[in-house]
C-alpha atoms as a PDB file:
ATOM      1  CA  HIS A   1      32.716   5.137  -4.286  1.00  0.00           C
ATOM      2  CA  GLN A   2      30.142   4.549  -7.053  1.00  0.00           C
ATOM      3  CA  GLU A   3      29.134   1.244  -5.471  1.00  0.00           C
ATOM      4  CA  LEU A   4      28.226   3.064  -2.247  1.00  0.00           C
ATOM      5  CA  LYS A   5      26.213   5.646  -4.193  1.00  0.00           C
ATOM      6  CA  ASP A   6      24.336   2.851  -5.943  1.00  0.00           C
ATOM      7  CA  LYS A   7      23.591   1.124  -2.632  1.00  0.00           C
ATOM      8  CA  LEU A   8      22.418   4.403  -1.115  1.00  0.00           C
ATOM      9  CA  GLN A   9      20.152   5.077  -4.099  1.00  0.00           C
ATOM     10  CA  ALA A  10      18.697   1.568  -3.866  1.00  0.00           C
ATOM     11  CA  ALA A  11      18.045   2.048  -0.154  1.00  0.00           C
ATOM     12  CA  LYS A  12      16.317   5.394  -0.798  1.00  0.00           C
ATOM     13  CA  GLU A  13      14.112   3.810  -3.452  1.00  0.00           C
ATOM     14  CA  LYS A  14      13.207   0.991  -1.074  1.00  0.00           C
ATOM     15  CA  VAL A  15      12.277   3.458   1.676  1.00  0.00           C
ATOM     16  CA  LEU A  16      10.061   5.416  -0.738  1.00  0.00           C
ATOM     17  CA  ARG A  17       8.383   2.209  -1.876  1.00  0.00           C
ATOM     18  CA  LEU A  18       7.775   1.161   1.734  1.00  0.00           C
ATOM     19  CA  HIS A  19       6.318   4.581   2.603  1.00  0.00           C
ATOM     20  CA  LYS A  20       3.898   4.314  -0.321  1.00  0.00           C
ATOM     21  CA  GLN A  21       2.949   0.800   0.731  1.00  0.00           C
ATOM     22  CA  LYS A  22       2.421   1.901   4.330  1.00  0.00           C
ATOM     23  CA  ARG A  23       0.209   4.795   3.190  1.00  0.00           C
ATOM     24  CA  MET A  24      -1.818   2.450   0.962  1.00  0.00           C
ATOM     25  CA  TRP A  25      -2.376  -0.010   3.828  1.00  0.00           C
ATOM     26  CA  PHE A  26      -3.291   2.793   6.218  1.00  0.00           C
ATOM     27  CA  GLU A  27      -5.901   4.129   3.787  1.00  0.00           C
ATOM     28  CA  LYS A  28      -7.196   0.623   3.176  1.00  0.00           C
ATOM     29  CA  MET A  29      -7.560  -0.104   6.894  1.00  0.00           C
ATOM     30  CA  MET A  30      -9.204   3.266   7.600  1.00  0.00           C
ATOM     31  CA  ARG A  31     -11.745   2.498   4.901  1.00  0.00           C
ATOM     32  CA  ALA A  32     -12.341  -0.926   6.411  1.00  0.00           C
ATOM     33  CA  VAL A  33     -12.971   0.648   9.814  1.00  0.00           C
ATOM     34  CA  ARG A  34     -15.365   3.228   8.331  1.00  0.00           C
ATOM     35  CA  CYS A  35     -17.299   0.461   6.567  1.00  0.00           C
ATOM     36  CA  SER A  36     -17.227  -1.911   9.567  1.00  0.00           C
ATOM     37  CA  ILE A  37     -15.298  -4.495   7.567  1.00  0.00           C
ATOM     38  CA  ASN A  38     -13.562  -7.072   9.730  1.00  0.00           C
ATOM     39  CA  ASN A  39     -11.004  -8.598   7.371  1.00  0.00           C
ATOM     40  CA  VAL A  40      -8.842  -7.781   4.380  1.00  0.00           C
ATOM     41  CA  GLU A  41     -10.461 -10.427   2.176  1.00  0.00           C
ATOM     42  CA  GLU A  42     -13.867  -8.780   2.528  1.00  0.00           C
ATOM     43  CA  LEU A  43     -12.363  -5.383   1.720  1.00  0.00           C
ATOM     44  CA  ASP A  44     -10.596  -6.840  -1.325  1.00  0.00           C
ATOM     45  CA  CYS A  45     -13.911  -8.256  -2.572  1.00  0.00           C
ATOM     46  CA  ILE A  46     -15.637  -4.902  -2.186  1.00  0.00           C
ATOM     47  CA  GLU A  47     -12.797  -3.091  -3.963  1.00  0.00           C
ATOM     48  CA  ALA A  48     -12.863  -5.645  -6.801  1.00  0.00           C
ATOM     49  CA  GLU A  49     -16.615  -5.154  -7.231  1.00  0.00           C
ATOM     50  CA  GLU A  50     -16.171  -1.382  -7.306  1.00  0.00           C
ATOM     51  CA  ALA A  51     -13.381  -1.677  -9.875  1.00  0.00           C
ATOM     52  CA  GLU A  52     -15.655  -3.758 -12.123  1.00  0.00           C
ATOM     53  CA  GLU A  53     -18.342  -1.069 -11.917  1.00  0.00           C
ATOM     54  CA  GLU A  54     -15.939   1.624 -13.172  1.00  0.00           C
END
């Protein structure tokens, strides 16, 4: 019984993690579209430059 609870909890945590990751990628891609950026590498470079400025 406890083993099933542990597996269920692990699955819930994984789903939450995946939702957060999906939201992060969605926001990242929307920003890329707004800035007319064509690839993830270019977006990563821009984000790294902005992080250095902060």
